[in-house]
N, C-alpha and C. Protein backbone atom coordinates (compact mmCIF):
# COMPACT_ATOMS: atom_id res chain seq x y z
N MET A 1 105.67 152.63 94.76
CA MET A 1 105.72 151.88 96.17
C MET A 1 106.98 152.49 96.80
N LYS A 2 106.88 152.81 98.21
CA LYS A 2 107.75 153.31 98.86
C LYS A 2 108.24 152.55 99.94
N ARG A 3 109.16 152.70 100.56
CA ARG A 3 109.59 151.67 101.99
C ARG A 3 109.77 152.52 103.20
N LYS A 4 109.70 152.58 104.16
CA LYS A 4 109.61 153.31 105.59
C LYS A 4 110.38 152.08 106.78
N ALA A 5 111.22 152.47 107.28
CA ALA A 5 111.99 151.66 108.21
C ALA A 5 111.77 152.47 109.58
N PHE A 6 111.70 152.08 110.53
CA PHE A 6 112.23 152.94 111.69
C PHE A 6 112.44 151.92 112.90
N THR A 7 113.21 152.45 114.05
CA THR A 7 113.55 151.73 115.19
C THR A 7 112.46 152.11 116.42
N MET A 8 112.25 151.26 117.41
CA MET A 8 111.58 151.75 118.61
C MET A 8 112.40 151.13 119.75
N LYS A 9 112.03 151.20 120.86
CA LYS A 9 112.28 150.50 122.23
C LYS A 9 111.21 149.95 122.92
N LEU A 10 111.72 148.55 123.03
CA LEU A 10 110.75 147.70 123.92
C LEU A 10 111.16 147.73 125.55
N LYS A 11 110.57 147.91 126.37
CA LYS A 11 110.93 147.79 127.78
C LYS A 11 111.43 146.84 128.48
N SER A 12 112.14 146.47 129.27
CA SER A 12 112.85 144.92 129.62
C SER A 12 111.59 144.33 130.26
N GLY A 13 111.74 143.06 129.73
CA GLY A 13 110.38 142.23 130.30
C GLY A 13 109.47 142.19 129.88
N PHE A 14 109.29 142.64 128.57
CA PHE A 14 107.94 142.71 128.16
C PHE A 14 107.80 142.24 126.62
N GLU A 15 109.03 141.28 126.59
CA GLU A 15 108.71 141.04 124.80
C GLU A 15 107.87 140.30 124.43
N ALA A 16 107.54 139.00 125.47
CA ALA A 16 106.45 138.29 125.54
C ALA A 16 104.89 139.20 125.10
N GLU A 17 104.80 140.18 125.82
CA GLU A 17 103.69 141.11 126.06
C GLU A 17 103.40 141.52 125.10
N TYR A 18 104.39 142.07 124.53
CA TYR A 18 104.35 142.71 122.93
C TYR A 18 104.09 141.97 121.86
N LYS A 19 104.57 140.65 121.75
CA LYS A 19 103.99 139.92 120.95
C LYS A 19 102.61 139.34 121.11
N ILE A 20 102.01 138.89 122.21
CA ILE A 20 100.77 139.02 122.60
C ILE A 20 99.71 140.03 122.06
N ARG A 21 100.42 141.30 122.28
CA ARG A 21 99.32 142.13 122.08
C ARG A 21 99.40 142.33 120.58
N HIS A 22 100.24 142.14 119.79
CA HIS A 22 100.49 142.39 118.23
C HIS A 22 99.48 141.14 117.56
N ASP A 23 99.57 139.91 118.32
CA ASP A 23 99.14 139.29 117.99
C ASP A 23 97.22 139.02 117.78
N LYS A 24 96.75 140.04 118.77
CA LYS A 24 95.65 140.32 118.91
C LYS A 24 95.01 141.81 118.49
N ILE A 25 95.84 142.52 117.46
CA ILE A 25 96.13 143.55 116.97
C ILE A 25 94.34 143.92 116.57
N TRP A 26 93.87 144.86 116.82
CA TRP A 26 92.60 145.33 116.66
C TRP A 26 92.27 145.96 114.97
N PRO A 27 91.16 144.89 114.85
CA PRO A 27 90.53 145.09 113.35
C PRO A 27 90.48 146.33 112.97
N GLU A 28 90.40 147.47 113.71
CA GLU A 28 90.00 148.87 113.28
C GLU A 28 91.54 149.63 112.74
N LEU A 29 92.34 149.10 113.77
CA LEU A 29 93.59 149.45 113.63
C LEU A 29 94.28 149.10 112.27
N LYS A 30 94.14 147.88 111.96
CA LYS A 30 94.50 147.55 110.63
C LYS A 30 94.20 148.36 109.65
N GLU A 31 92.70 148.30 109.63
CA GLU A 31 91.88 149.21 108.67
C GLU A 31 92.18 150.26 108.43
N GLN A 32 92.69 151.19 109.40
CA GLN A 32 93.10 152.34 109.09
C GLN A 32 94.62 152.43 108.57
N HIS A 33 95.41 151.47 109.06
CA HIS A 33 96.74 151.51 108.27
C HIS A 33 96.63 151.44 106.68
N SER A 34 95.55 150.57 106.54
CA SER A 34 95.71 150.02 105.30
C SER A 34 94.72 151.50 104.11
N ARG A 35 93.68 152.15 105.06
CA ARG A 35 93.32 153.14 104.50
C ARG A 35 94.22 153.94 104.10
N ALA A 36 95.26 154.21 105.10
CA ALA A 36 96.25 155.24 105.07
C ALA A 36 97.44 155.14 103.74
N GLY A 37 97.28 153.78 103.21
CA GLY A 37 98.11 153.31 102.17
C GLY A 37 99.32 152.55 102.74
N ILE A 38 99.51 152.15 104.22
CA ILE A 38 100.49 150.99 104.29
C ILE A 38 100.14 149.50 104.33
N SER A 39 101.40 149.35 103.87
CA SER A 39 100.87 147.47 103.68
C SER A 39 102.29 146.77 103.87
N ASP A 40 102.23 145.31 104.25
CA ASP A 40 103.02 144.80 104.10
C ASP A 40 103.88 145.24 105.29
N TYR A 41 103.73 145.22 106.83
CA TYR A 41 103.86 146.26 107.62
C TYR A 41 104.57 144.87 108.53
N SER A 42 105.81 145.08 109.09
CA SER A 42 106.44 144.10 110.08
C SER A 42 107.57 144.65 110.78
N ILE A 43 107.55 143.86 112.02
CA ILE A 43 108.12 144.55 113.05
C ILE A 43 108.85 143.28 113.52
N PHE A 44 110.29 143.71 113.82
CA PHE A 44 111.33 142.53 114.34
C PHE A 44 111.84 142.92 115.74
N LEU A 45 112.37 142.38 116.45
CA LEU A 45 112.56 142.43 117.87
C LEU A 45 114.27 141.88 117.62
N ASP A 46 114.81 142.61 118.15
CA ASP A 46 116.48 142.26 118.82
C ASP A 46 116.69 142.25 120.13
N LYS A 47 116.70 140.75 120.52
CA LYS A 47 116.04 140.34 121.84
C LYS A 47 117.40 141.07 122.84
N GLU A 48 118.50 141.23 122.17
CA GLU A 48 119.38 141.56 123.59
C GLU A 48 119.63 143.10 123.56
N THR A 49 119.35 143.98 122.28
CA THR A 49 119.17 145.37 122.67
C THR A 49 117.73 145.62 122.97
N LEU A 50 116.58 144.67 123.05
CA LEU A 50 115.34 145.18 123.09
C LEU A 50 114.84 146.07 121.85
N THR A 51 115.72 146.15 120.55
CA THR A 51 115.20 147.24 119.59
C THR A 51 114.22 146.47 118.93
N LEU A 52 113.35 147.47 118.55
CA LEU A 52 112.34 147.18 117.74
C LEU A 52 112.31 147.46 116.37
N PHE A 53 112.61 146.58 115.43
CA PHE A 53 112.85 147.42 113.80
C PHE A 53 111.44 147.11 113.20
N ALA A 54 111.19 148.04 112.37
CA ALA A 54 109.74 148.08 111.62
C ALA A 54 109.90 148.85 110.37
N VAL A 55 109.39 147.93 109.33
CA VAL A 55 109.30 148.25 107.88
C VAL A 55 107.85 148.22 107.58
N GLN A 56 107.49 149.05 106.37
CA GLN A 56 106.38 148.73 106.11
C GLN A 56 106.40 149.47 104.75
N LYS A 57 105.83 149.29 103.62
CA LYS A 57 105.61 149.78 102.34
C LYS A 57 104.28 150.79 102.69
N LEU A 58 104.68 151.85 101.63
CA LEU A 58 103.52 152.95 101.48
C LEU A 58 103.33 152.94 100.14
N SER A 59 101.78 153.09 99.76
CA SER A 59 101.26 153.60 98.66
C SER A 59 101.85 155.14 98.04
N ASP A 60 102.16 155.20 96.98
CA ASP A 60 102.55 156.83 96.42
C ASP A 60 101.90 157.68 96.86
N ASP A 61 100.57 157.31 97.13
CA ASP A 61 99.59 158.66 97.42
C ASP A 61 99.26 158.29 99.02
N ASN A 62 100.19 157.28 99.74
CA ASN A 62 99.67 157.55 101.19
C ASN A 62 99.32 158.57 101.94
N THR A 63 98.92 158.48 102.93
CA THR A 63 98.41 159.30 103.88
C THR A 63 99.16 158.95 105.36
N ALA A 64 99.80 158.31 105.23
CA ALA A 64 100.61 157.55 106.82
C ALA A 64 101.06 159.08 107.65
N ALA A 65 101.10 160.12 107.41
CA ALA A 65 101.82 161.35 108.39
C ALA A 65 100.86 161.74 108.88
N GLU A 66 99.05 161.38 108.36
CA GLU A 66 97.93 162.12 109.42
C GLU A 66 97.70 160.70 110.31
N LEU A 67 98.38 159.74 110.61
CA LEU A 67 97.61 158.39 111.09
C LEU A 67 97.74 159.47 112.81
N PRO A 68 98.85 159.89 113.24
CA PRO A 68 99.06 160.29 114.38
C PRO A 68 97.78 161.32 114.96
N GLN A 69 97.04 161.58 114.25
CA GLN A 69 95.70 162.68 114.64
C GLN A 69 94.48 161.35 114.59
N ASN A 70 94.73 160.16 114.49
CA ASN A 70 93.55 159.54 114.35
C ASN A 70 93.19 158.75 115.71
N PRO A 71 92.07 158.78 116.34
CA PRO A 71 91.75 158.34 117.53
C PRO A 71 91.88 157.12 117.78
N ILE A 72 91.73 156.26 116.66
CA ILE A 72 91.97 154.41 117.04
C ILE A 72 93.63 154.43 117.31
N LEU A 73 94.29 154.97 116.52
CA LEU A 73 95.88 154.96 116.56
C LEU A 73 96.41 155.40 118.22
N ARG A 74 95.88 156.53 118.44
CA ARG A 74 95.86 157.30 119.94
C ARG A 74 96.03 156.35 120.72
N LYS A 75 94.48 155.40 120.74
CA LYS A 75 94.05 154.31 121.52
C LYS A 75 95.08 153.26 121.62
N TRP A 76 95.42 153.11 120.53
CA TRP A 76 96.48 151.83 120.47
C TRP A 76 98.17 152.54 121.37
N TRP A 77 98.24 153.56 120.82
CA TRP A 77 99.65 154.16 121.70
C TRP A 77 99.47 154.35 123.18
N ASP A 78 98.35 154.44 123.56
CA ASP A 78 98.02 154.53 124.84
C ASP A 78 97.97 153.15 125.77
N TYR A 79 97.64 152.25 124.81
CA TYR A 79 97.66 150.56 125.26
C TYR A 79 98.96 150.41 125.15
N MET A 80 99.69 150.34 124.43
CA MET A 80 101.28 149.92 124.12
C MET A 80 102.14 151.37 125.16
N ALA A 81 101.92 152.18 125.63
CA ALA A 81 102.57 152.85 126.49
C ALA A 81 103.31 152.33 127.68
N ASP A 82 102.95 151.34 128.39
CA ASP A 82 103.59 150.83 129.55
C ASP A 82 104.61 149.91 129.24
N ILE A 83 104.94 149.61 127.96
CA ILE A 83 105.56 148.43 127.92
C ILE A 83 106.41 148.64 126.58
N MET A 84 106.71 150.14 126.42
CA MET A 84 107.57 150.63 125.45
C MET A 84 108.12 152.19 125.49
N GLU A 85 109.26 152.95 125.14
CA GLU A 85 109.65 153.93 125.14
C GLU A 85 108.64 154.78 124.59
N THR A 86 108.16 156.16 125.18
CA THR A 86 107.01 156.72 124.79
C THR A 86 107.39 157.93 125.06
N HIS A 87 106.93 158.84 123.96
CA HIS A 87 106.65 160.75 124.16
C HIS A 87 105.61 160.90 125.41
N PRO A 88 105.82 162.04 125.99
CA PRO A 88 104.56 162.66 126.75
C PRO A 88 103.73 162.01 126.18
N ASP A 89 103.37 162.32 124.96
CA ASP A 89 101.77 162.15 124.68
C ASP A 89 101.54 160.46 124.29
N ASN A 90 102.29 159.63 124.59
CA ASN A 90 102.33 158.07 124.46
C ASN A 90 102.71 157.58 123.16
N ALA A 91 102.83 158.54 122.14
CA ALA A 91 103.28 158.32 120.70
C ALA A 91 104.91 157.51 121.19
N PRO A 92 104.95 156.25 120.65
CA PRO A 92 106.33 155.77 120.61
C PRO A 92 107.36 156.25 120.01
N VAL A 93 108.75 156.26 121.01
CA VAL A 93 110.08 156.72 120.21
C VAL A 93 110.47 156.20 119.17
N GLU A 94 110.31 156.92 117.85
CA GLU A 94 110.67 156.31 116.73
C GLU A 94 112.04 157.14 115.99
N VAL A 95 112.77 156.18 115.35
CA VAL A 95 114.06 156.52 115.26
C VAL A 95 114.18 156.17 113.28
N PRO A 96 113.79 157.40 112.50
CA PRO A 96 113.70 156.68 111.44
C PRO A 96 115.10 156.50 110.77
N LEU A 97 115.16 155.28 109.90
CA LEU A 97 116.23 154.46 109.52
C LEU A 97 116.17 154.97 107.77
N LYS A 98 117.52 155.62 107.01
CA LYS A 98 117.58 155.76 105.77
C LYS A 98 118.07 154.45 105.29
N GLU A 99 117.46 154.07 104.09
CA GLU A 99 117.83 153.23 103.27
C GLU A 99 118.91 153.38 102.17
N VAL A 100 120.08 152.14 102.74
CA VAL A 100 121.26 152.61 102.30
C VAL A 100 121.24 151.33 101.26
N PHE A 101 120.64 150.20 100.80
CA PHE A 101 120.29 149.13 99.73
C PHE A 101 119.33 148.21 99.83
N HIS A 102 118.73 147.98 98.51
CA HIS A 102 117.50 147.44 98.42
C HIS A 102 117.87 146.26 97.36
N MET A 103 117.51 144.98 97.37
CA MET A 103 117.41 144.21 96.39
C MET A 103 116.11 143.17 96.08
N GLU A 104 115.54 143.35 95.08
CA GLU A 104 114.17 142.34 95.12
C GLU A 104 114.57 141.29 94.19
């Protein structure tokens, strides 16, 4: 099992809306993540900087790198683009983080 962590940025004033949308996450999107080998996926918000910190577990045989081509994920990105910093194709701007410590 691998872990992946990254940050994203929320636009100002959309903290509550971000939570609402994720509380109603589409079942088909959750299914695609599971099929890709992603589990135990959490996103945390730093309210002061509007930085979103995401961490997920990836199976050793995961296909997460293929998800950006998935139509359901692309539709989710389009849905979220108005409240997050995104690239021109509506993919969220993600900054990968290097793990420097882990304790079980």
